[in-house]
Amino acid sequence: MPASTTSSNSQALELQQQGQSAYRKGDLKYALHSFSEALRHTTSPELQLSILDHRAAIQERLGPDHYKSALKDARRMMDVATTNHKGYLRAGRILQLMGKADVAVETYRYGLKKVASVVVKGASGPPTPTEKDEEEATRPGQLSRRQSGREMLEGMLRKTMDRIEAAKRKASGGKGHDPLMMLPMELVDMIFQQLPFESLMVLQRVSRGWQNFLTTYDRSYNCLDFTSARKPVSSRTIKTYLSRGGPRIKTAILKHVEKSPLIAISSHCKSLTSLHILSTNGLIDISEPAKLAKNLTSIIIDCQTTASQIIEVIKHAPKLESLTCRHVIPSSMFEWNSTEQQFLPNLESLSLQQGQLGLLPTPADFRCLEKLQSLTFRGTDIWTIPLLPPSLRHLDLSENPSLKYRKDRDFIPTLESLSLSQNPNFSNDDIISMLSLTPEFDETAVVKHLDLSLCPKIDCTTLRWLFDSSLSTHLEYLSLAGNASFSDEVTIEIQKMENLKMVDVSATKVTGIGLCNIAKGENMEWVGVNGCENVGRDAVDRVRSWGVRVAARREQEKGRKVRGWE
């Protein structure tokens, strides 16, 4: 060995002895300095291991602020001497002090893979801090240096695992295993994400620990959902939920609600963005809650409301992006003009369903809604097609028996989806004219969804009109349900629509042969043949064996229920 190396190791050994002396006297700072200096001078792995162990022990005694530095020294010990047990023991001890007992267990297990079963008997020199610590922790009253490194690691592994189990039993009150303690937090979060609001509230009764956890759990009160309520929710219940999760509530789904609880929710939930009212006790004013909830972006009203109330809601919800109203009662005329539209700069979806909107001969004007993407007027008894903005992509005008298309007046923008179900006044020529390219044609928007179910004027003896007008090119969904002129001959033409994925030919004359023809389409995924009396079970089973889903339910015959095949 070169003289310089011997001199450095001698100097390091002298500094180590000074550090040990200071350590015994309680001068930890000087001892830490001495061991750090000794580490700079030594080149011997054995001496490095001893110095690192002493320095880690000092940093451990200096308190929590030094635990990370102590853990770094322990890991250096593991690198310097991979097959020596001291580094793993020191790292495990520090990890437990840091509250990471589970990581300590993995460290001990990793050490057992690396350390050989060699008994260190009669070794010279005083025991290191690690060995002194483990002498008390493994087998009190016996010298730990008579144990092998593996035995010491195995002893600490067992002891640590026992501590973890004892802590879990204590947290669960000693009654079995608490899933909140046993499972990783990520897995607990994934499970609770799947549970509805009602279940999360019921689970708070399991124990005090579960109640404390679920009360503070971020997702518990994201959605205040009373869908399953069988009777009016009391003001006291609403008040309790608001006190626990008011700032966290983003969605409220209310049933059997009265005006005062509705106002309380709207005023206390500052983060409320979605409001869904399923039913109310009579007709209540919903305009006031809309005034109080300033951040609403989505409103769904499934209960009875009036046209005038809808206008009031619109005026006080400037951030509204989606509005759905069902069961609009004919208490007033629905007069929609640019005055109301100025309050809806962000509206993307508007749906008005099952209501009398006054049978207005003058079309409602929506052209100022520059961001409107979807418009639904279903079952509203309108006479004329509304004036539509160029941004519109989805239009549903189903169930309006008085509605007619006026080719010279009605402008239809380039749509991706059109539904005209149960409208008796629309013919093939009307559909072609409505979906023809306009000067504002957007090449990125093509018709993918077309619903012409129960439209008696649509002639389906052939679908050549769809091919000639290029409407069939991008279609992915087509419904011709209830069309009396549709038969098996037309199914060959449907098979040629390359992009078609879903077809509904329910309540038509189609047979099992026609069903198989449709299912042979290149991208076909679903076929609806509900109420098709000529489609047999064997044809349905055959098509399903091809991987195509089939909806096939039979109608009741002479009061006798016939089993469905879905």
Protein backbone atom coordinates (compact mmCIF):
# COMPACT_ATOMS: atom_id res chain seq x y z
CA MET A 1 0.00 0.00 0.00
CA PRO A 2 1.45 3.46 -0.87
CA ALA A 3 2.67 5.55 2.02
CA SER A 4 0.25 8.40 1.18
CA THR A 5 -2.74 6.05 1.40
CA THR A 6 -1.52 4.63 4.71
CA SER A 7 -1.03 8.16 6.06
CA SER A 8 -4.56 9.20 4.95
CA ASN A 9 -6.15 6.18 6.58
CA SER A 10 -4.16 6.80 9.79
CA GLN A 11 -5.32 10.41 9.84
CA ALA A 12 -8.90 9.28 9.21
CA LEU A 13 -8.65 6.75 12.07
CA GLU A 14 -7.33 9.46 14.41
CA LEU A 15 -10.22 11.80 13.45
CA GLN A 16 -12.67 8.94 13.95
CA GLN A 17 -11.35 8.37 17.49
CA GLN A 18 -11.74 12.11 18.21
CA GLY A 19 -15.33 11.92 16.97
CA GLN A 20 -16.04 8.88 19.15
CA SER A 21 -14.67 10.68 22.18
CA ALA A 22 -16.79 13.76 21.49
CA TYR A 23 -19.82 11.50 20.93
CA ARG A 24 -19.37 9.92 24.38
CA LYS A 25 -19.10 13.39 25.97
CA GLY A 26 -22.31 14.49 24.24
CA ASP A 27 -20.65 17.07 21.95
CA LEU A 28 -22.56 15.97 18.87
CA LYS A 29 -21.68 18.90 16.63
CA TYR A 30 -17.90 18.43 17.10
CA ALA A 31 -18.32 14.69 16.68
CA LEU A 32 -20.22 15.23 13.41
CA HIS A 33 -17.45 17.54 12.18
CA SER A 34 -14.74 15.01 13.09
CA PHE A 35 -16.47 12.12 11.30
CA SER A 36 -17.06 14.27 8.20
CA GLU A 37 -13.35 15.17 8.10
CA ALA A 38 -12.37 11.53 8.65
CA LEU A 39 -14.57 10.49 5.73
CA ARG A 40 -12.73 12.93 3.46
CA HIS A 41 -9.34 11.33 4.23
CA THR A 42 -10.07 7.60 4.17
CA THR A 43 -9.90 5.28 1.17
CA SER A 44 -10.57 2.04 3.05
CA PRO A 45 -14.09 0.57 2.51
CA GLU A 46 -14.11 -0.94 6.02
CA LEU A 47 -13.19 2.39 7.59
CA GLN A 48 -15.69 4.24 5.39
CA LEU A 49 -18.45 1.88 6.54
CA SER A 50 -17.62 2.47 10.23
CA ILE A 51 -17.35 6.27 9.85
CA LEU A 52 -20.63 6.51 7.89
CA ASP A 53 -22.37 4.43 10.55
CA HIS A 54 -21.12 6.71 13.35
CA ARG A 55 -22.05 9.86 11.44
CA ALA A 56 -25.55 8.51 10.66
CA ALA A 57 -26.04 7.70 14.36
CA ILE A 58 -25.10 11.27 15.33
CA GLN A 59 -27.48 12.79 12.75
CA GLU A 60 -30.18 10.46 14.00
CA ARG A 61 -29.73 11.83 17.53
CA LEU A 62 -29.77 15.43 16.28
CA GLY A 63 -33.47 15.04 15.48
CA PRO A 64 -35.98 14.96 12.61
CA ASP A 65 -34.30 17.79 10.69
CA HIS A 66 -31.26 15.54 10.16
CA TYR A 67 -33.08 12.28 9.31
CA LYS A 68 -32.70 12.77 5.56
CA SER A 69 -28.92 13.26 5.89
CA ALA A 70 -28.72 10.19 8.12
CA LEU A 71 -30.66 8.17 5.53
CA LYS A 72 -28.21 9.30 2.81
CA ASP A 73 -25.30 8.00 4.91
CA ALA A 74 -27.12 4.70 5.44
CA ARG A 75 -27.61 4.33 1.70
CA ARG A 76 -23.92 5.11 1.14
CA MET A 77 -23.14 2.29 3.57
CA MET A 78 -25.27 -0.03 1.42
CA ASP A 79 -23.30 1.05 -1.68
CA VAL A 80 -19.88 0.74 -0.01
CA ALA A 81 -20.59 -2.74 1.39
CA THR A 82 -23.51 -4.33 -0.45
CA THR A 83 -23.23 -7.66 1.38
CA ASN A 84 -22.84 -6.12 4.86
CA HIS A 85 -25.93 -5.94 7.04
CA LYS A 86 -25.08 -2.65 8.79
CA GLY A 87 -26.29 -0.29 6.06
CA TYR A 88 -29.68 -2.02 5.77
CA LEU A 89 -30.17 -2.03 9.54
CA ARG A 90 -29.29 1.65 9.84
CA ALA A 91 -31.55 2.63 6.90
CA GLY A 92 -34.47 0.63 8.31
CA ARG A 93 -34.11 2.24 11.73
CA ILE A 94 -34.11 5.76 10.29
CA LEU A 95 -37.07 5.03 8.01
CA GLN A 96 -39.10 3.91 11.02
CA LEU A 97 -38.20 7.15 12.82
CA MET A 98 -39.46 9.00 9.72
CA GLY A 99 -42.79 7.17 9.95
CA LYS A 100 -42.10 4.99 6.89
CA ALA A 101 -42.32 1.56 8.47
CA ASP A 102 -43.58 -0.05 5.25
CA VAL A 103 -40.48 1.21 3.39
CA ALA A 104 -38.30 -0.08 6.23
CA VAL A 105 -39.81 -3.54 5.75
CA GLU A 106 -38.91 -3.47 2.05
CA THR A 107 -35.37 -2.35 2.96
CA TYR A 108 -34.93 -5.28 5.34
CA ARG A 109 -36.24 -7.68 2.71
CA TYR A 110 -33.87 -6.27 0.12
CA GLY A 111 -30.98 -6.64 2.57
CA LEU A 112 -31.83 -10.30 3.17
CA LYS A 113 -31.32 -10.92 -0.55
CA LYS A 114 -27.83 -9.39 -0.42
CA VAL A 115 -26.40 -10.39 2.98
CA ALA A 116 -24.73 -13.79 3.42
CA SER A 117 -25.39 -16.08 6.44
CA VAL A 118 -22.03 -15.61 8.16
CA VAL A 119 -21.78 -15.42 11.94
CA VAL A 120 -19.52 -12.57 13.06
CA LYS A 121 -18.00 -14.29 16.11
CA GLY A 122 -15.06 -12.95 18.03
CA ALA A 123 -14.51 -10.02 15.75
CA SER A 124 -12.09 -7.46 17.02
CA GLY A 125 -12.87 -3.85 17.85
CA PRO A 126 -15.73 -2.20 19.68
CA PRO A 127 -19.28 -2.64 18.34
CA THR A 128 -20.52 0.04 15.95
CA PRO A 129 -23.61 2.17 16.78
CA THR A 130 -25.71 -0.03 14.52
CA GLU A 131 -24.71 -3.15 16.41
CA LYS A 132 -25.35 -1.46 19.78
CA ASP A 133 -28.82 -0.42 18.62
CA GLU A 134 -29.71 -3.86 17.33
CA GLU A 135 -28.32 -5.58 20.45
CA GLU A 136 -31.25 -4.12 22.39
CA ALA A 137 -33.74 -4.38 19.54
CA THR A 138 -33.26 -8.04 18.63
CA ARG A 139 -32.35 -10.24 21.59
CA PRO A 140 -31.93 -8.36 24.88
CA GLY A 141 -29.35 -9.88 27.21
CA GLN A 142 -27.30 -11.52 24.42
CA LEU A 143 -24.44 -10.15 22.39
CA SER A 144 -25.69 -9.30 18.94
CA ARG A 145 -22.19 -9.82 17.49
CA ARG A 146 -22.76 -13.55 17.92
CA GLN A 147 -25.60 -13.28 15.42
CA SER A 148 -25.20 -13.35 11.69
CA GLY A 149 -26.16 -10.31 9.67
CA ARG A 150 -29.11 -12.23 8.22
CA GLU A 151 -30.39 -13.12 11.68
CA MET A 152 -30.25 -9.48 12.75
CA LEU A 153 -32.13 -8.40 9.61
CA GLU A 154 -34.72 -11.17 10.03
CA GLY A 155 -35.25 -10.16 13.65
CA MET A 156 -35.82 -6.49 12.75
CA LEU A 157 -38.09 -7.46 9.86
CA ARG A 158 -40.34 -9.51 12.16
CA LYS A 159 -40.35 -6.82 14.82
CA THR A 160 -41.25 -4.05 12.35
CA MET A 161 -44.05 -6.06 10.76
CA ASP A 162 -45.47 -6.80 14.21
CA ARG A 163 -45.46 -3.07 14.98
CA ILE A 164 -47.31 -2.30 11.76
CA GLU A 165 -49.97 -4.94 12.48
CA ALA A 166 -50.37 -3.69 16.05
CA ALA A 167 -50.84 -0.10 14.80
CA LYS A 168 -53.51 -1.22 12.32
CA ARG A 169 -55.37 -3.20 14.98
CA LYS A 170 -55.27 -0.22 17.32
CA ALA A 171 -56.60 2.13 14.61
CA SER A 172 -59.51 -0.23 13.87
CA GLY A 173 -60.36 -0.66 17.55
CA GLY A 174 -59.00 -4.19 17.60
CA LYS A 175 -61.97 -5.53 15.60
CA GLY A 176 -60.65 -7.14 12.45
CA HIS A 177 -58.90 -5.36 9.59
CA ASP A 178 -60.00 -1.92 8.46
CA PRO A 179 -59.81 -1.61 4.64
CA LEU A 180 -58.90 2.08 4.98
CA MET A 181 -55.78 1.00 6.89
CA MET A 182 -54.97 -2.12 4.89
CA LEU A 183 -55.36 -0.82 1.32
CA PRO A 184 -53.13 1.76 -0.42
CA MET A 185 -54.71 5.21 -0.59
CA GLU A 186 -54.68 5.13 -4.39
CA LEU A 187 -56.79 1.95 -4.39
CA VAL A 188 -59.20 3.37 -1.77
CA ASP A 189 -59.65 6.44 -3.97
CA MET A 190 -60.37 4.30 -7.05
CA ILE A 191 -63.02 2.33 -5.12
CA PHE A 192 -64.76 5.38 -3.67
CA GLN A 193 -64.85 7.06 -7.10
CA GLN A 194 -67.25 4.32 -8.24
CA LEU A 195 -69.66 4.79 -5.33
CA PRO A 196 -72.74 7.06 -5.58
CA PHE A 197 -73.34 9.88 -3.14
CA GLU A 198 -75.90 7.86 -1.16
CA SER A 199 -73.40 5.04 -0.51
CA LEU A 200 -70.69 7.47 0.62
CA MET A 201 -73.10 8.93 3.16
CA VAL A 202 -74.16 5.48 4.44
CA LEU A 203 -70.51 4.42 4.83
CA GLN A 204 -69.96 7.24 7.31
CA ARG A 205 -71.89 5.13 9.82
CA VAL A 206 -69.32 2.30 9.77
CA SER A 207 -67.10 3.85 12.44
CA ARG A 208 -65.81 7.14 13.73
CA GLY A 209 -62.66 6.68 11.67
CA TRP A 210 -64.66 6.18 8.47
CA GLN A 211 -66.83 9.18 9.31
CA ASN A 212 -63.79 11.40 9.85
CA PHE A 213 -62.20 10.19 6.62
CA LEU A 214 -65.29 10.49 4.40
CA THR A 215 -66.23 13.88 5.85
CA THR A 216 -62.89 15.30 4.69
CA TYR A 217 -62.57 13.13 1.56
CA ASP A 218 -62.49 15.43 -1.48
CA ARG A 219 -64.93 13.42 -3.60
CA SER A 220 -67.58 12.81 -0.93
CA TYR A 221 -69.41 16.08 -1.55
CA ASN A 222 -68.44 16.86 -5.15
CA CYS A 223 -71.94 15.79 -6.20
CA LEU A 224 -74.95 16.31 -3.95
CA ASP A 225 -77.22 13.63 -5.42
CA PHE A 226 -80.77 13.06 -4.12
CA THR A 227 -81.94 10.93 -7.08
CA SER A 228 -83.04 8.08 -4.82
CA ALA A 229 -85.03 10.30 -2.43
CA ARG A 230 -88.58 8.97 -1.95
CA LYS A 231 -89.88 11.94 -0.01
CA PRO A 232 -88.93 15.62 0.32
CA VAL A 233 -85.44 16.15 1.72
CA SER A 234 -85.67 18.10 4.97
CA SER A 235 -84.04 21.50 5.42
CA ARG A 236 -82.07 20.04 8.34
CA THR A 237 -80.51 17.37 6.11
CA ILE A 238 -79.62 19.95 3.48
CA LYS A 239 -78.08 22.18 6.16
CA THR A 240 -75.94 19.29 7.47
CA TYR A 241 -74.58 18.45 4.03
CA LEU A 242 -73.90 22.12 3.27
CA SER A 243 -71.95 22.56 6.52
CA ARG A 244 -69.75 19.57 5.67
CA GLY A 245 -69.12 20.09 1.98
CA GLY A 246 -70.46 23.50 0.91
CA PRO A 247 -67.30 24.82 -0.83
CA ARG A 248 -66.64 21.42 -2.47
CA ILE A 249 -70.10 20.87 -4.00
CA LYS A 250 -69.89 21.29 -7.78
CA THR A 251 -72.99 19.34 -8.88
CA ALA A 252 -76.45 19.19 -7.29
CA ILE A 253 -79.10 16.68 -8.40
CA LEU A 254 -82.33 17.43 -6.52
CA LYS A 255 -85.60 15.55 -6.20
CA HIS A 256 -88.77 16.49 -4.27
CA VAL A 257 -87.09 19.78 -3.53
CA GLU A 258 -88.77 22.86 -2.13
CA LYS A 259 -87.85 26.47 -2.71
CA SER A 260 -86.00 27.20 0.55
CA PRO A 261 -83.53 24.26 0.33
CA LEU A 262 -82.95 25.08 -3.33
CA ILE A 263 -82.07 28.67 -2.44
CA ALA A 264 -79.81 27.48 0.42
CA ILE A 265 -77.85 25.21 -1.93
CA SER A 266 -77.51 27.92 -4.57
CA SER A 267 -76.28 30.53 -2.08
CA HIS A 268 -73.87 28.36 -0.03
CA CYS A 269 -72.24 26.32 -2.81
CA LYS A 270 -69.89 28.87 -4.35
CA SER A 271 -68.33 26.23 -6.64
CA LEU A 272 -71.67 24.96 -7.98
CA THR A 273 -71.43 24.57 -11.76
CA SER A 274 -74.16 22.02 -12.54
CA LEU A 275 -77.78 22.05 -11.29
CA HIS A 276 -80.23 19.24 -12.12
CA ILE A 277 -83.78 19.50 -10.76
CA LEU A 278 -85.65 16.21 -11.16
CA SER A 279 -88.93 17.14 -9.51
CA THR A 280 -90.42 19.70 -7.16
CA ASN A 281 -93.42 19.97 -4.87
CA GLY A 282 -95.51 21.99 -7.27
CA LEU A 283 -94.39 24.80 -9.52
CA ILE A 284 -91.58 26.81 -7.89
CA ASP A 285 -89.60 29.81 -9.02
CA ILE A 286 -86.17 28.68 -10.25
CA SER A 287 -85.01 32.12 -11.35
CA GLU A 288 -83.88 33.12 -7.83
CA PRO A 289 -81.50 30.13 -7.42
CA ALA A 290 -80.04 31.00 -10.84
CA LYS A 291 -79.31 34.51 -9.56
CA LEU A 292 -77.48 33.20 -6.48
CA ALA A 293 -75.37 30.52 -8.20
CA LYS A 294 -73.04 32.74 -10.20
CA ASN A 295 -70.86 29.96 -11.68
CA LEU A 296 -73.54 27.72 -13.20
CA THR A 297 -72.50 26.28 -16.57
CA SER A 298 -75.16 23.56 -16.84
CA ILE A 299 -78.86 23.56 -15.87
CA ILE A 300 -81.27 20.65 -16.37
CA ILE A 301 -84.90 21.19 -15.34
CA ASP A 302 -86.95 17.99 -15.48
CA CYS A 303 -89.89 19.42 -13.54
CA GLN A 304 -92.68 21.69 -14.74
CA THR A 305 -91.60 25.21 -15.55
CA THR A 306 -92.87 28.14 -17.56
CA ALA A 307 -91.41 29.87 -20.57
CA SER A 308 -91.12 33.13 -18.66
CA GLN A 309 -89.07 31.42 -15.94
CA ILE A 310 -86.72 30.02 -18.55
CA ILE A 311 -86.11 33.55 -19.82
CA GLU A 312 -85.39 34.73 -16.25
CA VAL A 313 -82.91 31.89 -15.72
CA ILE A 314 -81.15 32.84 -18.93
CA LYS A 315 -80.81 36.47 -17.84
CA HIS A 316 -79.05 35.57 -14.59
CA ALA A 317 -76.69 32.78 -15.69
CA PRO A 318 -74.02 34.49 -17.82
CA LYS A 319 -71.64 31.50 -17.73
CA LEU A 320 -74.28 29.03 -18.89
CA GLU A 321 -73.04 26.53 -21.51
CA SER A 322 -75.86 23.98 -21.45
CA LEU A 323 -79.60 24.46 -20.73
CA THR A 324 -82.15 21.63 -20.81
CA CYS A 325 -85.83 22.22 -19.92
CA ARG A 326 -88.50 19.53 -20.05
CA HIS A 327 -92.25 19.89 -19.43
CA VAL A 328 -92.64 23.58 -20.27
CA ILE A 329 -96.25 24.40 -19.43
CA PRO A 330 -98.21 26.77 -21.71
CA SER A 331 -98.61 29.58 -19.21
CA SER A 332 -97.04 32.12 -21.53
CA MET A 333 -95.68 32.52 -25.02
CA PHE A 334 -92.04 31.66 -25.56
CA GLU A 335 -90.68 34.82 -27.14
CA TRP A 336 -87.03 34.40 -27.93
CA ASN A 337 -85.16 37.40 -29.29
CA SER A 338 -81.73 39.01 -29.29
CA THR A 339 -82.49 40.73 -25.96
CA GLU A 340 -82.36 37.37 -24.17
CA GLN A 341 -79.48 36.07 -26.25
CA GLN A 342 -77.10 38.78 -25.08
CA PHE A 343 -77.08 37.08 -21.67
CA LEU A 344 -75.77 33.80 -23.11
CA PRO A 345 -72.36 34.46 -24.69
CA ASN A 346 -71.08 30.95 -23.83
CA LEU A 347 -74.16 28.81 -24.51
CA GLU A 348 -73.21 25.65 -26.43
CA SER A 349 -76.24 23.42 -25.83
CA LEU A 350 -79.95 24.32 -25.57
CA SER A 351 -82.70 21.74 -25.13
CA LEU A 352 -86.43 22.48 -24.72
CA GLN A 353 -88.62 19.37 -24.56
CA GLN A 354 -92.21 18.29 -24.02
CA GLY A 355 -93.78 21.71 -23.74
CA GLN A 356 -96.17 24.08 -25.44
CA LEU A 357 -94.07 26.94 -26.71
CA GLY A 358 -97.01 28.87 -28.07
CA LEU A 359 -97.19 27.42 -31.61
CA LEU A 360 -95.44 30.52 -32.81
CA PRO A 361 -95.75 31.11 -36.56
CA THR A 362 -92.66 33.35 -36.38
CA PRO A 363 -89.43 31.31 -36.03
CA ALA A 364 -87.29 31.82 -32.94
CA ASP A 365 -84.01 33.51 -33.79
CA PHE A 366 -80.83 31.87 -32.44
CA ARG A 367 -78.35 33.37 -34.89
CA CYS A 368 -76.69 35.55 -32.26
CA LEU A 369 -75.59 32.50 -30.25
CA GLU A 370 -72.18 32.25 -31.88
CA LYS A 371 -71.04 29.24 -29.81
CA LEU A 372 -74.23 27.16 -30.01
CA GLN A 373 -73.36 23.59 -31.01
CA SER A 374 -76.50 21.64 -30.10
CA LEU A 375 -80.19 22.60 -30.26
CA THR A 376 -83.14 20.39 -29.28
CA PHE A 377 -86.81 21.30 -29.75
CA ARG A 378 -88.47 17.95 -29.00
CA GLY A 379 -92.23 17.75 -28.60
CA THR A 380 -92.68 21.52 -28.42
CA ASP A 381 -95.33 21.99 -31.13
CA ILE A 382 -93.35 24.55 -33.10
CA TRP A 383 -94.54 25.36 -36.61
CA THR A 384 -91.36 26.62 -38.21
CA ILE A 385 -87.69 25.73 -38.04
CA PRO A 386 -85.80 28.26 -35.87
CA LEU A 387 -83.24 30.62 -37.40
CA LEU A 388 -79.97 28.83 -36.72
CA PRO A 389 -76.38 30.02 -36.23
CA PRO A 390 -73.59 28.72 -38.53
CA SER A 391 -71.87 27.13 -35.52
CA LEU A 392 -74.68 24.58 -35.00
CA ARG A 393 -73.69 20.91 -35.49
CA HIS A 394 -76.48 18.91 -33.77
CA LEU A 395 -80.19 19.57 -34.42
CA ASP A 396 -83.12 17.63 -32.93
CA LEU A 397 -86.62 18.65 -34.04
CA SER A 398 -88.39 15.38 -33.19
CA GLU A 399 -92.06 15.01 -32.24
CA ASN A 400 -93.31 18.27 -33.76
CA PRO A 401 -96.31 17.25 -35.89
CA SER A 402 -97.00 20.81 -37.08
CA LEU A 403 -93.43 21.50 -38.21
CA LYS A 404 -92.78 22.01 -41.90
CA TYR A 405 -89.66 22.72 -43.94
CA ARG A 406 -89.71 25.79 -46.17
CA LYS A 407 -86.97 25.46 -48.73
CA ASP A 408 -87.03 29.14 -49.70
CA ARG A 409 -86.75 30.45 -46.11
CA ASP A 410 -85.17 27.89 -43.80
CA PHE A 411 -81.37 27.96 -43.66
CA ILE A 412 -79.78 24.78 -42.23
CA PRO A 413 -76.05 24.98 -41.40
CA THR A 414 -73.69 22.08 -42.03
CA LEU A 415 -74.78 19.49 -39.46
CA GLU A 416 -73.18 16.38 -38.00
CA SER A 417 -76.41 15.13 -36.44
CA LEU A 418 -80.06 15.56 -37.48
CA SER A 419 -83.09 14.01 -35.77
CA LEU A 420 -86.59 14.40 -37.25
CA SER A 421 -88.27 11.45 -35.56
CA GLN A 422 -92.10 11.38 -35.54
CA ASN A 423 -92.51 14.33 -37.90
CA PRO A 424 -95.17 13.54 -40.54
CA ASN A 425 -94.41 16.41 -42.92
CA PHE A 426 -90.84 15.67 -44.05
CA SER A 427 -90.12 13.95 -47.37
CA ASN A 428 -86.96 12.62 -49.07
CA ASP A 429 -86.56 15.86 -51.01
CA ASP A 430 -86.81 17.89 -47.80
CA ILE A 431 -83.99 15.88 -46.20
CA ILE A 432 -81.76 16.26 -49.26
CA SER A 433 -82.44 19.99 -49.41
CA MET A 434 -81.83 20.50 -45.68
CA LEU A 435 -78.49 18.70 -45.73
CA SER A 436 -77.20 20.03 -49.04
CA LEU A 437 -73.97 22.01 -48.91
CA THR A 438 -74.41 25.69 -48.18
CA PRO A 439 -72.11 28.66 -48.88
CA GLU A 440 -71.01 28.42 -45.25
CA PHE A 441 -70.05 24.76 -45.73
CA ASP A 442 -67.48 23.51 -43.26
CA GLU A 443 -65.46 20.63 -44.71
CA THR A 444 -64.72 19.27 -41.23
CA ALA A 445 -68.45 18.80 -40.49
CA VAL A 446 -70.25 15.95 -42.23
CA VAL A 447 -73.55 14.21 -41.45
CA LYS A 448 -72.81 11.21 -39.21
CA HIS A 449 -76.12 10.76 -37.37
CA LEU A 450 -79.51 10.73 -39.13
CA ASP A 451 -82.75 9.79 -37.33
CA LEU A 452 -85.80 9.49 -39.61
CA SER A 453 -87.81 7.04 -37.50
CA LEU A 454 -91.60 7.16 -37.74
CA CYS A 455 -91.57 9.66 -40.61
CA PRO A 456 -94.35 8.34 -42.91
CA LYS A 457 -93.46 10.54 -45.91
CA ILE A 458 -89.92 9.12 -46.16
CA ASP A 459 -89.85 6.63 -49.04
CA CYS A 460 -87.54 3.72 -48.24
CA THR A 461 -88.32 1.40 -51.14
CA THR A 462 -84.78 2.40 -52.16
CA LEU A 463 -82.01 4.41 -50.55
CA ARG A 464 -80.58 5.61 -53.82
CA TRP A 465 -81.50 9.17 -52.83
CA LEU A 466 -78.99 8.97 -49.96
CA PHE A 467 -76.23 7.77 -52.28
CA ASP A 468 -76.99 10.28 -55.05
CA SER A 469 -76.84 13.18 -52.58
CA SER A 470 -73.59 11.83 -51.01
CA LEU A 471 -75.31 11.79 -47.61
CA SER A 472 -74.45 8.11 -47.17
CA THR A 473 -70.69 8.66 -47.40
CA HIS A 474 -69.98 9.52 -43.76
CA LEU A 475 -73.09 8.20 -42.01
CA GLU A 476 -72.34 6.26 -38.80
CA TYR A 477 -75.89 6.03 -37.41
CA LEU A 478 -79.13 5.69 -39.40
CA SER A 479 -82.63 5.13 -38.03
CA LEU A 480 -85.53 4.19 -40.30
CA ALA A 481 -87.55 2.58 -37.51
CA GLY A 482 -91.30 2.28 -38.10
CA ASN A 483 -91.05 2.91 -41.86
CA ALA A 484 -93.70 0.89 -43.64
CA SER A 485 -91.87 0.91 -46.99
CA PHE A 486 -88.62 -0.60 -45.65
CA SER A 487 -87.98 -4.25 -46.57
CA ASP A 488 -85.20 -6.80 -47.12
CA GLU A 489 -84.39 -5.47 -50.61
CA VAL A 490 -83.10 -2.22 -49.12
CA THR A 491 -80.74 -3.97 -46.69
CA ILE A 492 -78.30 -4.71 -49.53
CA GLU A 493 -77.95 -0.96 -50.06
CA ILE A 494 -77.33 -0.38 -46.33
CA GLN A 495 -74.57 -2.97 -46.49
CA LYS A 496 -72.74 -0.74 -49.00
CA MET A 497 -72.49 2.22 -46.62
CA GLU A 498 -68.85 1.78 -45.61
CA ASN A 499 -68.78 3.93 -42.46
CA LEU A 500 -72.14 2.87 -41.03
CA LYS A 501 -71.82 1.44 -37.49
CA MET A 502 -75.37 1.51 -36.09
CA VAL A 503 -78.73 0.94 -37.85
CA ASP A 504 -82.22 0.93 -36.34
CA VAL A 505 -84.89 -0.75 -38.47
CA SER A 506 -87.25 -1.63 -35.60
CA ALA A 507 -90.96 -2.16 -36.36
CA THR A 508 -90.38 -2.72 -40.09
CA LYS A 509 -90.96 -5.64 -42.49
CA VAL A 510 -87.33 -6.75 -42.32
CA THR A 511 -86.69 -10.50 -41.85
CA GLY A 512 -83.77 -12.54 -40.59
CA ILE A 513 -82.23 -12.42 -44.08
CA GLY A 514 -82.32 -8.63 -44.03
CA LEU A 515 -80.78 -8.58 -40.55
CA CYS A 516 -77.87 -10.71 -41.76
CA ASN A 517 -77.42 -8.44 -44.80
CA ILE A 518 -77.15 -5.36 -42.60
CA ALA A 519 -74.78 -7.08 -40.16
CA LYS A 520 -72.36 -7.89 -43.00
CA GLY A 521 -71.55 -4.19 -43.32
CA GLU A 522 -67.83 -3.52 -43.05
CA ASN A 523 -67.97 -1.55 -39.76
CA MET A 524 -71.35 -2.63 -38.40
CA GLU A 525 -71.50 -2.76 -34.58
CA TRP A 526 -75.21 -2.60 -33.64
CA VAL A 527 -78.57 -3.34 -35.29
CA GLY A 528 -82.00 -2.59 -33.81
CA VAL A 529 -84.85 -4.91 -34.83
CA ASN A 530 -87.24 -4.38 -31.93
CA GLY A 531 -90.80 -5.34 -32.83
CA CYS A 532 -89.79 -7.00 -36.13
CA GLU A 533 -92.12 -10.01 -36.21
CA ASN A 534 -90.32 -11.65 -39.14
CA VAL A 535 -86.91 -11.82 -37.48
CA GLY A 536 -86.30 -15.22 -35.89
CA ARG A 537 -84.16 -16.18 -32.91
CA ASP A 538 -81.73 -18.15 -35.10
CA ALA A 539 -80.91 -15.04 -37.19
CA VAL A 540 -80.36 -12.96 -34.06
CA ASP A 541 -78.01 -15.59 -32.57
CA ARG A 542 -76.12 -15.89 -35.84
CA VAL A 543 -75.49 -12.15 -36.12
CA ARG A 544 -74.42 -11.94 -32.49
CA SER A 545 -71.91 -14.72 -33.13
CA TRP A 546 -70.29 -12.36 -35.65
CA GLY A 547 -69.65 -9.86 -32.87
CA VAL A 548 -72.49 -7.50 -33.83
CA ARG A 549 -74.83 -6.39 -31.03
CA VAL A 550 -78.55 -6.84 -31.74
CA ALA A 551 -81.50 -5.24 -29.94
CA ALA A 552 -84.43 -7.59 -30.51
CA ARG A 553 -87.61 -7.38 -28.46
CA ARG A 554 -90.98 -8.68 -29.56
CA GLU A 555 -94.27 -6.83 -29.23
CA GLN A 556 -97.06 -8.17 -27.01
CA GLU A 557 -99.54 -10.33 -28.88
CA LYS A 558 -103.21 -10.43 -27.81
CA GLY A 559 -102.39 -9.50 -24.24
CA ARG A 560 -99.70 -12.19 -23.98
CA LYS A 561 -96.16 -11.03 -23.18
CA VAL A 562 -93.51 -12.45 -25.49
CA ARG A 563 -89.99 -12.89 -24.14
CA GLY A 564 -87.34 -10.55 -25.52
CA TRP A 565 -83.95 -11.62 -26.85
CA GLU A 566 -81.73 -8.81 -25.60
